[in-house]
């Protein structure tokens, strides 16, 4: 997606209405919906030391966190509530728990994550 001029309000571009996904999830997969509502989601990423055109992420941790050192990266990750493990050639990050189902401005439950 591309946005040359951002919207003054809103501006999100879902591929499918997120409230419809949440409704479908609740009706067709109630156990999964309940687990997502209770536990939320965490995202795990491995960020390389250098740009990697073969990776879906591709961007190194220095560019991701806009830092020059591991110490600065650790401070940025800690500020975001992440945990991390330095690996040979990069870092594995795990986000804090985030809600997978949230309520939008209209009061509708929406599917708000990227687990699929």
PDB file of N, CA and C in Angstrom:
ATOM      1  N   UNK A   1       0.832  -1.173   0.000  1.00  0.00           N
ATOM      2  CA  UNK A   1       0.000   0.000   0.000  1.00  0.00           C
ATOM      3  C   UNK A   1       0.881   1.242   0.000  1.00  0.00           C
ATOM      4  N   UNK A   2       0.364   2.304  -0.583  1.00  0.00           N
ATOM      5  CA  UNK A   2       1.100   3.559  -0.642  1.00  0.00           C
ATOM      6  C   UNK A   2       0.170   4.693  -0.252  1.00  0.00           C
ATOM      7  N   UNK A   3       0.697   5.629   0.508  1.00  0.00           N
ATOM      8  CA  UNK A   3      -0.086   6.793   0.909  1.00  0.00           C
ATOM      9  C   UNK A   3       0.795   8.025   0.800  1.00  0.00           C
ATOM     10  N   UNK A   4       0.561   8.818  -0.234  1.00  0.00           N
ATOM     11  CA  UNK A   4       1.374  10.023  -0.415  1.00  0.00           C
ATOM     12  C   UNK A   4       0.990  11.107   0.582  1.00  0.00           C
ATOM     13  N   UNK A   5      -0.316  11.236   0.862  1.00  0.00           N
ATOM     14  CA  UNK A   5      -0.793  12.223   1.828  1.00  0.00           C
ATOM     15  C   UNK A   5      -1.635  11.488   2.866  1.00  0.00           C
ATOM     16  N   UNK A   6      -1.142  11.395   4.115  1.00  0.00           N
ATOM     17  CA  UNK A   6      -1.898  10.659   5.128  1.00  0.00           C
ATOM     18  C   UNK A   6      -3.230  11.324   5.467  1.00  0.00           C
ATOM     19  N   UNK A   7      -4.197  10.511   5.830  1.00  0.00           N
ATOM     20  CA  UNK A   7      -5.519  11.005   6.216  1.00  0.00           C
ATOM     21  C   UNK A   7      -5.430  11.803   7.510  1.00  0.00           C
ATOM     22  N   UNK A   8      -6.294  12.795   7.657  1.00  0.00           N
ATOM     23  CA  UNK A   8      -6.353  13.590   8.888  1.00  0.00           C
ATOM     24  C   UNK A   8      -6.854  12.736  10.051  1.00  0.00           C
ATOM     25  N   UNK A   9      -7.750  11.781   9.751  1.00  0.00           N
ATOM     26  CA  UNK A   9      -8.230  10.843  10.769  1.00  0.00           C
ATOM     27  C   UNK A   9      -8.489   9.510  10.086  1.00  0.00           C
ATOM     28  N   UNK A  10      -8.476   8.447  10.866  1.00  0.00           N
ATOM     29  CA  UNK A  10      -8.662   7.113  10.278  1.00  0.00           C
ATOM     30  C   UNK A  10      -7.461   6.763   9.433  1.00  0.00           C
ATOM     31  N   UNK A  11      -7.709   6.487   8.179  1.00  0.00           N
ATOM     32  CA  UNK A  11      -6.620   6.239   7.261  1.00  0.00           C
ATOM     33  C   UNK A  11      -6.174   4.799   7.161  1.00  0.00           C
ATOM     34  N   UNK A  12      -6.762   3.913   7.930  1.00  0.00           N
ATOM     35  CA  UNK A  12      -6.366   2.508   7.843  1.00  0.00           C
ATOM     36  C   UNK A  12      -6.942   1.894   6.575  1.00  0.00           C
ATOM     37  N   UNK A  13      -6.258   0.895   6.055  1.00  0.00           N
ATOM     38  CA  UNK A  13      -6.692   0.257   4.812  1.00  0.00           C
ATOM     39  C   UNK A  13      -6.751  -1.255   4.999  1.00  0.00           C
ATOM     40  N   UNK A  14      -7.777  -1.766   5.655  1.00  0.00           N
ATOM     41  CA  UNK A  14      -7.867  -3.223   5.805  1.00  0.00           C
ATOM     42  C   UNK A  14      -8.220  -3.878   4.473  1.00  0.00           C
ATOM     43  N   UNK A  15      -7.743  -5.081   4.296  1.00  0.00           N
ATOM     44  CA  UNK A  15      -8.054  -5.831   3.084  1.00  0.00           C
ATOM     45  C   UNK A  15      -9.468  -6.395   3.182  1.00  0.00           C
ATOM     46  N   UNK A  16      -9.881  -6.701   4.381  1.00  0.00           N
ATOM     47  CA  UNK A  16     -11.228  -7.198   4.655  1.00  0.00           C
ATOM     48  C   UNK A  16     -11.694  -6.467   5.915  1.00  0.00           C
ATOM     49  N   UNK A  17     -12.957  -6.156   6.031  1.00  0.00           N
ATOM     50  CA  UNK A  17     -13.405  -5.462   7.246  1.00  0.00           C
ATOM     51  C   UNK A  17     -13.062  -6.269   8.500  1.00  0.00           C
ATOM     52  N   UNK A  18     -12.271  -5.678   9.359  1.00  0.00           N
ATOM     53  CA  UNK A  18     -11.788  -6.378  10.549  1.00  0.00           C
ATOM     54  C   UNK A  18     -12.905  -6.790  11.490  1.00  0.00           C
ATOM     55  N   UNK A  19     -13.995  -6.026  11.515  1.00  0.00           N
ATOM     56  CA  UNK A  19     -15.117  -6.421  12.373  1.00  0.00           C
ATOM     57  C   UNK A  19     -15.792  -7.680  11.825  1.00  0.00           C
ATOM     58  N   UNK A  20     -15.785  -7.853  10.493  1.00  0.00           N
ATOM     59  CA  UNK A  20     -16.366  -9.061   9.899  1.00  0.00           C
ATOM     60  C   UNK A  20     -15.515 -10.282  10.237  1.00  0.00           C
ATOM     61  N   UNK A  21     -14.206 -10.099  10.279  1.00  0.00           N
ATOM     62  CA  UNK A  21     -13.313 -11.200  10.647  1.00  0.00           C
ATOM     63  C   UNK A  21     -13.558 -11.600  12.098  1.00  0.00           C
ATOM     64  N   UNK A  22     -13.674 -10.619  12.989  1.00  0.00           N
ATOM     65  CA  UNK A  22     -13.921 -10.915  14.398  1.00  0.00           C
ATOM     66  C   UNK A  22     -15.249 -11.641  14.577  1.00  0.00           C
ATOM     67  N   UNK A  23     -16.277 -11.187  13.877  1.00  0.00           N
ATOM     68  CA  UNK A  23     -17.597 -11.830  13.968  1.00  0.00           C
ATOM     69  C   UNK A  23     -17.525 -13.268  13.463  1.00  0.00           C
ATOM     70  N   UNK A  24     -16.850 -13.476  12.332  1.00  0.00           N
ATOM     71  CA  UNK A  24     -16.690 -14.826  11.785  1.00  0.00           C
ATOM     72  C   UNK A  24     -15.909 -15.702  12.766  1.00  0.00           C
ATOM     73  N   UNK A  25     -14.839 -15.173  13.320  1.00  0.00           N
ATOM     74  CA  UNK A  25     -14.025 -15.928  14.269  1.00  0.00           C
ATOM     75  C   UNK A  25     -14.853 -16.338  15.482  1.00  0.00           C
ATOM     76  N   UNK A  26     -15.620 -15.421  16.039  1.00  0.00           N
ATOM     77  CA  UNK A  26     -16.454 -15.728  17.212  1.00  0.00           C
ATOM     78  C   UNK A  26     -17.498 -16.797  16.898  1.00  0.00           C
ATOM     79  N   UNK A  27     -18.090 -16.752  15.703  1.00  0.00           N
ATOM     80  CA  UNK A  27     -19.158 -17.707  15.380  1.00  0.00           C
ATOM     81  C   UNK A  27     -18.620 -19.048  14.888  1.00  0.00           C
ATOM     82  N   UNK A  28     -17.537 -19.048  14.145  1.00  0.00           N
ATOM     83  CA  UNK A  28     -17.030 -20.290  13.552  1.00  0.00           C
ATOM     84  C   UNK A  28     -15.928 -20.962  14.358  1.00  0.00           C
ATOM     85  N   UNK A  29     -15.198 -20.191  15.136  1.00  0.00           N
ATOM     86  CA  UNK A  29     -14.075 -20.728  15.910  1.00  0.00           C
ATOM     87  C   UNK A  29     -14.080 -20.119  17.316  1.00  0.00           C
ATOM     88  N   UNK A  30     -15.135 -20.384  18.083  1.00  0.00           N
ATOM     89  CA  UNK A  30     -15.279 -19.714  19.379  1.00  0.00           C
ATOM     90  C   UNK A  30     -14.162 -20.024  20.374  1.00  0.00           C
ATOM     91  N   UNK A  31     -13.605 -21.227  20.326  1.00  0.00           N
ATOM     92  CA  UNK A  31     -12.528 -21.571  21.261  1.00  0.00           C
ATOM     93  C   UNK A  31     -11.282 -20.736  20.955  1.00  0.00           C
ATOM     94  N   UNK A  32     -10.927 -20.662  19.677  1.00  0.00           N
ATOM     95  CA  UNK A  32      -9.781 -19.841  19.285  1.00  0.00           C
ATOM     96  C   UNK A  32     -10.028 -18.374  19.629  1.00  0.00           C
ATOM     97  N   UNK A  33     -11.223 -17.880  19.348  1.00  0.00           N
ATOM     98  CA  UNK A  33     -11.549 -16.483  19.656  1.00  0.00           C
ATOM     99  C   UNK A  33     -11.402 -16.215  21.150  1.00  0.00           C
ATOM    100  N   UNK A  34     -11.870 -17.131  21.972  1.00  0.00           N
ATOM    101  CA  UNK A  34     -11.763 -16.963  23.424  1.00  0.00           C
ATOM    102  C   UNK A  34     -10.302 -16.965  23.868  1.00  0.00           C
ATOM    103  N   UNK A  35      -9.495 -17.849  23.277  1.00  0.00           N
ATOM    104  CA  UNK A  35      -8.066 -17.890  23.628  1.00  0.00           C
ATOM    105  C   UNK A  35      -7.361 -16.604  23.210  1.00  0.00           C
ATOM    106  N   UNK A  36      -7.686 -16.112  22.014  1.00  0.00           N
ATOM    107  CA  UNK A  36      -7.085 -14.857  21.568  1.00  0.00           C
ATOM    108  C   UNK A  36      -7.504 -13.700  22.468  1.00  0.00           C
ATOM    109  N   UNK A  37      -8.770 -13.672  22.847  1.00  0.00           N
ATOM    110  CA  UNK A  37      -9.260 -12.603  23.720  1.00  0.00           C
ATOM    111  C   UNK A  37      -8.581 -12.665  25.090  1.00  0.00           C
ATOM    112  N   UNK A  38      -8.386 -13.873  25.601  1.00  0.00           N
ATOM    113  CA  UNK A  38      -7.790 -14.033  26.931  1.00  0.00           C
ATOM    114  C   UNK A  38      -6.281 -13.807  26.926  1.00  0.00           C
ATOM    115  N   UNK A  39      -5.599 -14.413  25.959  1.00  0.00           N
ATOM    116  CA  UNK A  39      -4.133 -14.418  25.981  1.00  0.00           C
ATOM    117  C   UNK A  39      -3.480 -13.365  25.088  1.00  0.00           C
ATOM    118  N   UNK A  40      -4.201 -12.859  24.099  1.00  0.00           N
ATOM    119  CA  UNK A  40      -3.604 -11.904  23.171  1.00  0.00           C
ATOM    120  C   UNK A  40      -2.568 -12.574  22.287  1.00  0.00           C
ATOM    121  N   UNK A  41      -1.663 -11.777  21.756  1.00  0.00           N
ATOM    122  CA  UNK A  41      -0.621 -12.287  20.866  1.00  0.00           C
ATOM    123  C   UNK A  41       0.730 -11.686  21.249  1.00  0.00           C
ATOM    124  N   UNK A  42       1.765 -12.374  20.839  1.00  0.00           N
ATOM    125  CA  UNK A  42       3.145 -11.884  20.918  1.00  0.00           C
ATOM    126  C   UNK A  42       3.764 -12.173  19.566  1.00  0.00           C
ATOM    127  N   UNK A  43       4.618 -11.306  19.120  1.00  0.00           N
ATOM    128  CA  UNK A  43       5.287 -11.506  17.837  1.00  0.00           C
ATOM    129  C   UNK A  43       6.769 -11.745  18.071  1.00  0.00           C
ATOM    130  N   UNK A  44       7.296 -12.756  17.398  1.00  0.00           N
ATOM    131  CA  UNK A  44       8.715 -13.089  17.483  1.00  0.00           C
ATOM    132  C   UNK A  44       9.330 -12.811  16.117  1.00  0.00           C
ATOM    133  N   UNK A  45      10.403 -12.035  16.109  1.00  0.00           N
ATOM    134  CA  UNK A  45      11.110 -11.729  14.857  1.00  0.00           C
ATOM    135  C   UNK A  45      12.604 -11.946  15.064  1.00  0.00           C
ATOM    136  N   UNK A  46      13.261 -12.342  14.004  1.00  0.00           N
ATOM    137  CA  UNK A  46      14.721 -12.396  14.010  1.00  0.00           C
ATOM    138  C   UNK A  46      15.198 -11.309  13.056  1.00  0.00           C
ATOM    139  N   UNK A  47      15.910 -10.355  13.609  1.00  0.00           N
ATOM    140  CA  UNK A  47      16.426  -9.227  12.836  1.00  0.00           C
ATOM    141  C   UNK A  47      17.915  -9.451  12.588  1.00  0.00           C
ATOM    142  N   UNK A  48      18.349  -9.393  11.333  1.00  0.00           N
ATOM    143  CA  UNK A  48      19.753  -9.649  11.018  1.00  0.00           C
ATOM    144  C   UNK A  48      20.652  -8.471  11.405  1.00  0.00           C
ATOM    145  N   UNK A  49      21.966  -8.716  11.364  1.00  0.00           N
ATOM    146  CA  UNK A  49      22.952  -7.657  11.600  1.00  0.00           C
ATOM    147  C   UNK A  49      23.099  -6.738  10.391  1.00  0.00           C
ATOM    148  N   UNK A  50      22.793  -7.268   9.208  1.00  0.00           N
ATOM    149  CA  UNK A  50      22.964  -6.510   7.970  1.00  0.00           C
ATOM    150  C   UNK A  50      21.718  -6.661   7.115  1.00  0.00           C
ATOM    151  N   UNK A  51      21.541  -5.760   6.151  1.00  0.00           N
ATOM    152  CA  UNK A  51      20.411  -5.866   5.232  1.00  0.00           C
ATOM    153  C   UNK A  51      20.454  -7.216   4.535  1.00  0.00           C
ATOM    154  N   UNK A  52      19.291  -7.856   4.399  1.00  0.00           N
ATOM    155  CA  UNK A  52      19.196  -9.176   3.778  1.00  0.00           C
ATOM    156  C   UNK A  52      18.023  -9.171   2.802  1.00  0.00           C
ATOM    157  N   UNK A  53      18.321  -9.058   1.524  1.00  0.00           N
ATOM    158  CA  UNK A  53      17.278  -8.994   0.496  1.00  0.00           C
ATOM    159  C   UNK A  53      16.506 -10.294   0.371  1.00  0.00           C
ATOM    160  N   UNK A  54      17.028 -11.395   0.906  1.00  0.00           N
ATOM    161  CA  UNK A  54      16.330 -12.683   0.812  1.00  0.00           C
ATOM    162  C   UNK A  54      15.345 -12.892   1.960  1.00  0.00           C
ATOM    163  N   UNK A  55      15.345 -11.998   2.935  1.00  0.00           N
ATOM    164  CA  UNK A  55      14.490 -12.133   4.114  1.00  0.00           C
ATOM    165  C   UNK A  55      13.215 -11.319   3.950  1.00  0.00           C
ATOM    166  N   UNK A  56      12.065 -11.838   4.452  1.00  0.00           N
ATOM    167  CA  UNK A  56      10.838 -11.047   4.402  1.00  0.00           C
ATOM    168  C   UNK A  56      10.941  -9.783   5.267  1.00  0.00           C
ATOM    169  N   UNK A  57      11.772  -9.818   6.288  1.00  0.00           N
ATOM    170  CA  UNK A  57      11.976  -8.626   7.117  1.00  0.00           C
ATOM    171  C   UNK A  57      13.074  -7.778   6.479  1.00  0.00           C
ATOM    172  N   UNK A  58      14.229  -8.385   6.243  1.00  0.00           N
ATOM    173  CA  UNK A  58      15.295  -7.737   5.498  1.00  0.00           C
ATOM    174  C   UNK A  58      16.056  -6.638   6.198  1.00  0.00           C
ATOM    175  N   UNK A  59      15.364  -5.827   6.993  1.00  0.00           N
ATOM    176  CA  UNK A  59      15.986  -4.681   7.646  1.00  0.00           C
ATOM    177  C   UNK A  59      16.759  -5.144   8.881  1.00  0.00           C
ATOM    178  N   UNK A  60      17.989  -4.673   9.062  1.00  0.00           N
ATOM    179  CA  UNK A  60      18.738  -5.067  10.255  1.00  0.00           C
ATOM    180  C   UNK A  60      18.209  -4.368  11.507  1.00  0.00           C
ATOM    181  N   UNK A  61      18.619  -4.878  12.655  1.00  0.00           N
ATOM    182  CA  UNK A  61      18.141  -4.314  13.912  1.00  0.00           C
ATOM    183  C   UNK A  61      18.549  -2.853  14.069  1.00  0.00           C
ATOM    184  N   UNK A  62      19.704  -2.471  13.530  1.00  0.00           N
ATOM    185  CA  UNK A  62      20.142  -1.079  13.645  1.00  0.00           C
ATOM    186  C   UNK A  62      19.132  -0.139  12.977  1.00  0.00           C
ATOM    187  N   UNK A  63      18.661  -0.512  11.789  1.00  0.00           N
ATOM    188  CA  UNK A  63      17.684   0.319  11.073  1.00  0.00           C
ATOM    189  C   UNK A  63      16.303   0.217  11.707  1.00  0.00           C
ATOM    190  N   UNK A  64      15.944  -0.973  12.168  1.00  0.00           N
ATOM    191  CA  UNK A  64      14.633  -1.169  12.787  1.00  0.00           C
ATOM    192  C   UNK A  64      14.457  -0.274  14.008  1.00  0.00           C
ATOM    193  N   UNK A  65      15.480  -0.226  14.852  1.00  0.00           N
ATOM    194  CA  UNK A  65      15.386   0.558  16.087  1.00  0.00           C
ATOM    195  C   UNK A  65      16.052   1.937  15.978  1.00  0.00           C
ATOM    196  N   UNK A  66      16.611   2.237  14.791  1.00  0.00           N
ATOM    197  CA  UNK A  66      17.287   3.515  14.545  1.00  0.00           C
ATOM    198  C   UNK A  66      18.377   3.777  15.578  1.00  0.00           C
ATOM    199  N   UNK A  67      19.280   2.791  15.702  1.00  0.00           N
ATOM    200  CA  UNK A  67      20.374   2.848  16.673  1.00  0.00           C
ATOM    201  C   UNK A  67      21.677   2.415  16.004  1.00  0.00           C
ATOM    202  N   UNK A  68      22.779   2.604  16.740  1.00  0.00           N
ATOM    203  CA  UNK A  68      24.093   2.210  16.234  1.00  0.00           C
ATOM    204  C   UNK A  68      24.749   1.103  17.043  1.00  0.00           C
ATOM    205  N   UNK A  69      24.260   0.858  18.257  1.00  0.00           N
ATOM    206  CA  UNK A  69      24.915  -0.129  19.119  1.00  0.00           C
ATOM    207  C   UNK A  69      23.896  -1.089  19.732  1.00  0.00           C
ATOM    208  N   UNK A  70      24.418  -2.204  20.217  1.00  0.00           N
ATOM    209  CA  UNK A  70      23.560  -3.170  20.913  1.00  0.00           C
ATOM    210  C   UNK A  70      22.941  -2.539  22.159  1.00  0.00           C
ATOM    211  N   UNK A  71      23.715  -1.735  22.853  1.00  0.00           N
ATOM    212  CA  UNK A  71      23.212  -1.092  24.074  1.00  0.00           C
ATOM    213  C   UNK A  71      22.021  -0.185  23.760  1.00  0.00           C
ATOM    214  N   UNK A  72      22.122   0.572  22.683  1.00  0.00           N
ATOM    215  CA  UNK A  72      21.005   1.431  22.278  1.00  0.00           C
ATOM    216  C   UNK A  72      19.804   0.589  21.850  1.00  0.00           C
ATOM    217  N   UNK A  73      20.059  -0.514  21.157  1.00  0.00           N
ATOM    218  CA  UNK A  73      18.973  -1.409  20.739  1.00  0.00           C
ATOM    219  C   UNK A  73      18.279  -1.996  21.958  1.00  0.00           C
ATOM    220  N   UNK A  74      19.064  -2.420  22.942  1.00  0.00           N
ATOM    221  CA  UNK A  74      18.480  -2.988  24.159  1.00  0.00           C
ATOM    222  C   UNK A  74      17.629  -1.960  24.895  1.00  0.00           C
ATOM    223  N   UNK A  75      18.071  -0.722  24.922  1.00  0.00           N
ATOM    224  CA  UNK A  75      17.278   0.338  25.564  1.00  0.00           C
ATOM    225  C   UNK A  75      15.966   0.545  24.815  1.00  0.00           C
ATOM    226  N   UNK A  76      16.014   0.529  23.484  1.00  0.00           N
ATOM    227  CA  UNK A  76      14.796   0.701  22.677  1.00  0.00           C
ATOM    228  C   UNK A  76      13.848  -0.477  22.873  1.00  0.00           C
ATOM    229  N   UNK A  77      14.396  -1.692  22.888  1.00  0.00           N
ATOM    230  CA  UNK A  77      13.551  -2.875  23.077  1.00  0.00           C
ATOM    231  C   UNK A  77      12.932  -2.874  24.466  1.00  0.00           C
ATOM    232  N   UNK A  78      13.714  -2.524  25.470  1.00  0.00           N
ATOM    233  CA  UNK A  78      13.187  -2.463  26.838  1.00  0.00           C
ATOM    234  C   UNK A  78      12.080  -1.421  26.942  1.00  0.00           C
ATOM    235  N   UNK A  79      12.263  -0.276  26.287  1.00  0.00           N
ATOM    236  CA  UNK A  79      11.245   0.781  26.315  1.00  0.00           C
ATOM    237  C   UNK A  79       9.939   0.320  25.678  1.00  0.00           C
ATOM    238  N   UNK A  80      10.026  -0.598  24.708  1.00  0.00           N
ATOM    239  CA  UNK A  80       8.830  -1.146  24.053  1.00  0.00           C
ATOM    240  C   UNK A  80       8.288  -2.382  24.762  1.00  0.00           C
ATOM    241  N   UNK A  81       8.898  -2.782  25.873  1.00  0.00           N
ATOM    242  CA  UNK A  81       8.420  -3.942  26.612  1.00  0.00           C
ATOM    243  C   UNK A  81       8.771  -5.270  25.970  1.00  0.00           C
ATOM    244  N   UNK A  82       9.780  -5.271  25.124  1.00  0.00           N
ATOM    245  CA  UNK A  82      10.181  -6.498  24.434  1.00  0.00           C
ATOM    246  C   UNK A  82      11.188  -7.280  25.269  1.00  0.00           C
ATOM    247  N   UNK A  83      11.288  -8.567  24.952  1.00  0.00           N
ATOM    248  CA  UNK A  83      12.411  -9.364  25.426  1.00  0.00           C
ATOM    249  C   UNK A  83      13.234  -9.696  24.192  1.00  0.00           C
ATOM    250  N   UNK A  84      14.489 -10.059  24.381  1.00  0.00           N
ATOM    251  CA  UNK A  84      15.361 -10.309  23.241  1.00  0.00           C
ATOM    252  C   UNK A  84      16.458 -11.292  23.597  1.00  0.00           C
ATOM    253  N   UNK A  85      17.028 -11.855  22.553  1.00  0.00           N
ATOM    254  CA  UNK A  85      18.173 -12.753  22.686  1.00  0.00           C
ATOM    255  C   UNK A  85      19.099 -12.472  21.508  1.00  0.00           C
ATOM    256  N   UNK A  86      20.329 -12.115  21.819  1.00  0.00           N
ATOM    257  CA  UNK A  86      21.301 -11.890  20.755  1.00  0.00           C
ATOM    258  C   UNK A  86      21.737 -13.226  20.192  1.00  0.00           C
ATOM    259  N   UNK A  87      21.749 -13.312  18.885  1.00  0.00           N
ATOM    260  CA  UNK A  87      22.130 -14.524  18.173  1.00  0.00           C
ATOM    261  C   UNK A  87      23.369 -14.228  17.331  1.00  0.00           C
ATOM    262  N   UNK A  88      23.997 -15.272  16.839  1.00  0.00           N
ATOM    263  CA  UNK A  88      25.076 -15.057  15.884  1.00  0.00           C
ATOM    264  C   UNK A  88      24.442 -14.492  14.617  1.00  0.00           C
ATOM    265  N   UNK A  89      24.790 -13.278  14.267  1.00  0.00           N
ATOM    266  CA  UNK A  89      24.249 -12.674  13.056  1.00  0.00           C
ATOM    267  C   UNK A  89      22.971 -11.882  13.233  1.00  0.00           C
ATOM    268  N   UNK A  90      22.532 -11.649  14.479  1.00  0.00           N
ATOM    269  CA  UNK A  90      21.310 -10.871  14.652  1.00  0.00           C
ATOM    270  C   UNK A  90      20.733 -10.956  16.047  1.00  0.00           C
ATOM    271  N   UNK A  91      19.456 -10.637  16.154  1.00  0.00           N
ATOM    272  CA  UNK A  91      18.767 -10.649  17.439  1.00  0.00           C
ATOM    273  C   UNK A  91      17.346 -11.185  17.242  1.00  0.00           C
ATOM    274  N   UNK A  92      16.901 -12.010  18.195  1.00  0.00           N
ATOM    275  CA  UNK A  92      15.514 -12.483  18.195  1.00  0.00           C
ATOM    276  C   UNK A  92      14.760 -11.628  19.208  1.00  0.00           C
ATOM    277  N   UNK A  93      13.668 -11.007  18.754  1.00  0.00           N
ATOM    278  CA  UNK A  93      12.861 -10.167  19.631  1.00  0.00           C
ATOM    279  C   UNK A  93      11.494 -10.798  19.847  1.00  0.00           C
ATOM    280  N   UNK A  94      10.942 -10.580  21.025  1.00  0.00           N
ATOM    281  CA  UNK A  94       9.583 -11.010  21.341  1.00  0.00           C
ATOM    282  C   UNK A  94       8.855  -9.808  21.930  1.00  0.00           C
ATOM    283  N   UNK A  95       7.718  -9.476  21.336  1.00  0.00           N
ATOM    284  CA  UNK A  95       6.966  -8.319  21.821  1.00  0.00           C
ATOM    285  C   UNK A  95       6.276  -8.638  23.141  1.00  0.00           C
ATOM    286  N   UNK A  96       5.841  -7.600  23.810  1.00  0.00           N
ATOM    287  CA  UNK A  96       4.988  -7.786  24.980  1.00  0.00           C
ATOM    288  C   UNK A  96       3.643  -8.324  24.495  1.00  0.00           C
ATOM    289  N   UNK A  97       2.815  -8.792  25.416  1.00  0.00           N
ATOM    290  CA  UNK A  97       1.482  -9.270  25.060  1.00  0.00           C
ATOM    291  C   UNK A  97       0.674  -8.101  24.519  1.00  0.00           C
ATOM    292  N   UNK A  98      -0.016  -8.360  23.406  1.00  0.00           N
ATOM    293  CA  UNK A  98      -0.881  -7.342  22.807  1.00  0.00           C
ATOM    294  C   UNK A  98      -2.262  -7.943  22.583  1.00  0.00           C
ATOM    295  N   UNK A  99      -3.283  -7.113  22.691  1.00  0.00           N
ATOM    296  CA  UNK A  99      -4.639  -7.587  22.435  1.00  0.00           C
ATOM    297  C   UNK A  99      -4.772  -8.004  20.973  1.00  0.00           C
ATOM    298  N   UNK A 100      -5.442  -9.120  20.745  1.00  0.00           N
ATOM    299  CA  UNK A 100      -5.683  -9.609  19.384  1.00  0.00           C
ATOM    300  C   UNK A 100      -7.050  -9.170  18.877  1.00  0.00           C
ATOM    301  N   UNK A 101      -7.966  -8.935  19.785  1.00  0.00           N
ATOM    302  CA  UNK A 101      -9.310  -8.454  19.466  1.00  0.00           C
ATOM    303  C   UNK A 101      -9.519  -7.172  20.265  1.00  0.00           C
ATOM    304  N   UNK A 102      -9.859  -6.104  19.574  1.00  0.00           N
ATOM    305  CA  UNK A 102     -10.058  -4.814  20.232  1.00  0.00           C
ATOM    306  C   UNK A 102     -11.377  -4.205  19.773  1.00  0.00           C
ATOM    307  N   UNK A 103     -11.776  -3.135  20.408  1.00  0.00           N
ATOM    308  CA  UNK A 103     -13.013  -2.443  20.045  1.00  0.00           C
ATOM    309  C   UNK A 103     -12.667  -1.176  19.275  1.00  0.00           C
ATOM    310  N   UNK A 104     -13.333  -0.981  18.137  1.00  0.00           N
ATOM    311  CA  UNK A 104     -13.063   0.210  17.324  1.00  0.00           C
ATOM    312  C   UNK A 104     -13.901   1.396  17.797  1.00  0.00           C
ATOM    313  N   UNK A 105     -13.768   2.515  17.086  1.00  0.00           N
ATOM    314  CA  UNK A 105     -14.470   3.741  17.468  1.00  0.00           C
ATOM    315  C   UNK A 105     -15.985   3.591  17.416  1.00  0.00           C
ATOM    316  N   UNK A 106     -16.473   2.664  16.599  1.00  0.00           N
ATOM    317  CA  UNK A 106     -17.914   2.436  16.465  1.00  0.00           C
ATOM    318  C   UNK A 106     -18.433   1.429  17.493  1.00  0.00           C
ATOM    319  N   UNK A 107     -17.545   0.930  18.362  1.00  0.00           N
ATOM    320  CA  UNK A 107     -17.956  -0.029  19.378  1.00  0.00           C
ATOM    321  C   UNK A 107     -17.982  -1.471  18.899  1.00  0.00           C
ATOM    322  N   UNK A 108     -17.444  -1.718  17.708  1.00  0.00           N
ATOM    323  CA  UNK A 108     -17.424  -3.082  17.167  1.00  0.00           C
ATOM    324  C   UNK A 108     -16.137  -3.783  17.574  1.00  0.00           C
ATOM    325  N   UNK A 109     -16.248  -5.081  17.839  1.00  0.00           N
ATOM    326  CA  UNK A 109     -15.052  -5.874  18.086  1.00  0.00           C
ATOM    327  C   UNK A 109     -14.355  -6.089  16.745  1.00  0.00           C
ATOM    328  N   UNK A 110     -13.049  -5.878  16.715  1.00  0.00           N
ATOM    329  CA  UNK A 110     -12.304  -6.077  15.475  1.00  0.00           C
ATOM    330  C   UNK A 110     -11.116  -7.006  15.702  1.00  0.00           C
ATOM    331  N   UNK A 111     -10.772  -7.717  14.649  1.00  0.00           N
ATOM    332  CA  UNK A 111      -9.610  -8.602  14.606  1.00  0.00           C
ATOM    333  C   UNK A 111      -8.417  -7.701  14.324  1.00  0.00           C
ATOM    334  N   UNK A 112      -7.544  -7.518  15.322  1.00  0.00           N
ATOM    335  CA  UNK A 112      -6.479  -6.526  15.223  1.00  0.00           C
ATOM    336  C   UNK A 112      -5.136  -7.173  15.515  1.00  0.00           C
ATOM    337  N   UNK A 113      -4.627  -7.928  14.547  1.00  0.00           N
ATOM    338  CA  UNK A 113      -3.343  -8.602  14.702  1.00  0.00           C
ATOM    339  C   UNK A 113      -2.907  -9.132  13.350  1.00  0.00           C
ATOM    340  N   UNK A 114      -1.781  -9.780  13.316  1.00  0.00           N
ATOM    341  CA  UNK A 114      -1.300 -10.345  12.049  1.00  0.00           C
ATOM    342  C   UNK A 114      -0.879 -11.796  12.230  1.00  0.00           C
ATOM    343  N   UNK A 115      -1.751 -12.581  12.851  1.00  0.00           N
ATOM    344  CA  UNK A 115      -1.418 -13.991  13.070  1.00  0.00           C
ATOM    345  C   UNK A 115      -1.673 -14.844  11.846  1.00  0.00           C
ATOM    346  N   UNK A 116      -2.396 -14.309  10.862  1.00  0.00           N
ATOM    347  CA  UNK A 116      -2.629 -15.088   9.641  1.00  0.00           C
ATOM    348  C   UNK A 116      -2.076 -14.360   8.443  1.00  0.00           C
TER     349      UNK A 116
END
